[in-house]
Amino acid sequence: MSSQVYLLMSLKHDNIIKFYNSWVDDMNKTINLITELFTFGSLRQYRKKHKNVDLKALKNWAKQILRGLHYLHSHNPPIIHRDLKCDNIFVNGNNGEVKIGDLGLAIVM
C-alpha cells in the first residue's frame, strides 16, 4: 500500500485526481484514501444519466484524458495506469473537467 500512496502523492497534474491523505483501518481491514471530490462521479455514471453528450464535450474530455496519460507516460521512469476505463475517469461539475483516477494497478516501468 505504501508504494501506491507515495506514487499518488508524487503526481501533480490538472488531469490526474488529487490525492490528499490516507490511513489504514486495522479493525475494518480497509485502506482509506482521501482525494478531491467529483460531483458527477465517474464518466460511466455520467454517461448513464446523460445519453446525448455534445461532440465538442467528448473531444474536450478526450484531450484532457490524453494530457493526463502523457503526463504519466512522460515521468522518468514512466508510469503506466493499466486500468484506464470509464469507471476510472471522473467528471467534475458542469465545467467539463475530467481527471484520471484509481491508480491502484499502476506500475512504474
Protein backbone atom coordinates (compact mmCIF):
# COMPACT_ATOMS: atom_id res chain seq x y z
CA MET A 1 0.00 0.00 0.00
CA SER A 2 2.72 2.49 0.85
CA SER A 3 4.16 2.39 -2.68
CA GLN A 4 0.75 3.34 -4.12
CA VAL A 5 0.42 6.19 -1.61
CA TYR A 6 3.88 7.52 -2.47
CA LEU A 7 3.04 7.33 -6.15
CA LEU A 8 -0.24 9.22 -5.64
CA MET A 9 1.50 11.85 -3.51
CA SER A 10 4.07 12.48 -6.25
CA LEU A 11 1.53 13.15 -9.03
CA LYS A 12 0.69 16.80 -9.68
CA HIS A 13 -1.28 17.42 -12.87
CA ASP A 14 -4.58 19.08 -13.79
CA ASN A 15 -5.92 15.86 -15.32
CA ILE A 16 -4.87 13.44 -12.57
CA ILE A 17 -7.06 13.16 -9.47
CA LYS A 18 -5.58 15.00 -6.46
CA PHE A 19 -4.59 12.84 -3.50
CA TYR A 20 -4.76 14.38 -0.01
CA ASN A 21 -4.27 11.72 2.64
CA SER A 22 -4.64 8.05 3.54
CA TRP A 23 -4.90 5.76 6.54
CA VAL A 24 -5.26 2.08 7.32
CA ASP A 25 -8.23 0.98 9.42
CA ASP A 26 -6.90 -2.20 11.00
CA MET A 27 -10.18 -3.00 12.73
CA ASN A 28 -12.18 -3.00 9.47
CA LYS A 29 -9.21 -4.12 7.38
CA THR A 30 -9.58 -1.26 4.90
CA ILE A 31 -7.26 1.25 3.30
CA ASN A 32 -8.84 4.69 3.05
CA LEU A 33 -7.74 7.33 0.54
CA ILE A 34 -8.87 10.95 0.58
CA THR A 35 -8.99 12.52 -2.88
CA GLU A 36 -10.70 15.52 -4.38
CA LEU A 37 -14.48 15.34 -4.79
CA PHE A 38 -16.08 14.87 -8.19
CA THR A 39 -19.70 15.99 -8.23
CA PHE A 40 -20.78 13.84 -11.20
CA GLY A 41 -18.88 10.68 -10.24
CA SER A 42 -17.25 8.54 -12.89
CA LEU A 43 -17.54 9.02 -16.63
CA ARG A 44 -19.54 5.76 -16.76
CA GLN A 45 -22.07 7.12 -14.22
CA TYR A 46 -22.28 10.41 -16.10
CA ARG A 47 -22.91 8.65 -19.44
CA LYS A 48 -25.70 6.54 -17.90
CA LYS A 49 -27.51 9.71 -16.82
CA HIS A 50 -26.74 11.80 -19.91
CA LYS A 51 -27.25 9.77 -23.07
CA ASN A 52 -26.64 12.59 -25.55
CA VAL A 53 -23.33 14.34 -24.98
CA ASP A 54 -22.21 17.09 -27.32
CA LEU A 55 -19.36 16.15 -29.67
CA LYS A 56 -17.42 19.23 -28.52
CA ALA A 57 -17.60 17.98 -24.91
CA LEU A 58 -16.43 14.50 -25.95
CA LYS A 59 -13.43 15.99 -27.76
CA ASN A 60 -12.63 18.12 -24.71
CA TRP A 61 -12.75 15.05 -22.44
CA ALA A 62 -10.53 13.08 -24.83
CA LYS A 63 -7.92 15.88 -24.86
CA GLN A 64 -7.89 16.02 -21.05
CA ILE A 65 -7.51 12.25 -20.74
CA LEU A 66 -4.67 12.28 -23.26
CA ARG A 67 -2.94 15.12 -21.36
CA GLY A 68 -3.15 13.07 -18.17
CA LEU A 69 -1.79 9.96 -19.90
CA HIS A 70 1.02 11.97 -21.47
CA TYR A 71 1.95 13.27 -18.01
CA LEU A 72 2.05 9.73 -16.57
CA HIS A 73 3.98 8.28 -19.51
CA SER A 74 6.46 11.20 -19.53
CA HIS A 75 7.63 10.51 -15.98
CA ASN A 76 11.15 9.19 -15.57
CA PRO A 77 10.60 6.27 -15.24
CA PRO A 78 7.18 6.19 -16.95
CA ILE A 79 4.00 5.38 -15.01
CA ILE A 80 1.52 3.03 -16.70
CA HIS A 81 -2.10 3.16 -15.46
CA ARG A 82 -3.05 -0.40 -16.59
CA ASP A 83 -6.77 0.02 -15.82
CA LEU A 84 -7.96 3.02 -17.82
CA LYS A 85 -11.72 2.83 -18.39
CA CYS A 86 -14.81 5.00 -17.91
CA ASP A 87 -15.10 3.87 -14.27
CA ASN A 88 -11.66 5.41 -13.59
CA ILE A 89 -12.24 8.76 -15.29
CA PHE A 90 -14.01 11.28 -13.05
CA VAL A 91 -16.23 14.21 -14.09
CA ASN A 92 -16.34 17.45 -12.12
CA GLY A 93 -19.39 19.70 -12.35
CA ASN A 94 -20.64 21.46 -15.43
CA ASN A 95 -17.22 22.87 -16.32
CA GLY A 96 -16.29 19.86 -18.46
CA GLU A 97 -13.34 18.85 -16.30
CA VAL A 98 -12.32 15.17 -16.29
CA LYS A 99 -9.46 13.53 -14.42
CA ILE A 100 -7.82 10.12 -14.37
CA GLY A 101 -8.15 8.30 -11.05
CA ASP A 102 -7.85 4.88 -9.44
CA LEU A 103 -4.17 4.20 -9.97
CA GLY A 104 -4.32 1.04 -7.86
CA LEU A 105 -2.96 -1.13 -10.69
CA ALA A 106 -0.47 1.47 -11.94
CA ILE A 107 3.16 0.46 -12.27
CA VAL A 108 6.38 2.40 -12.57
CA MET A 109 8.35 0.98 -15.50
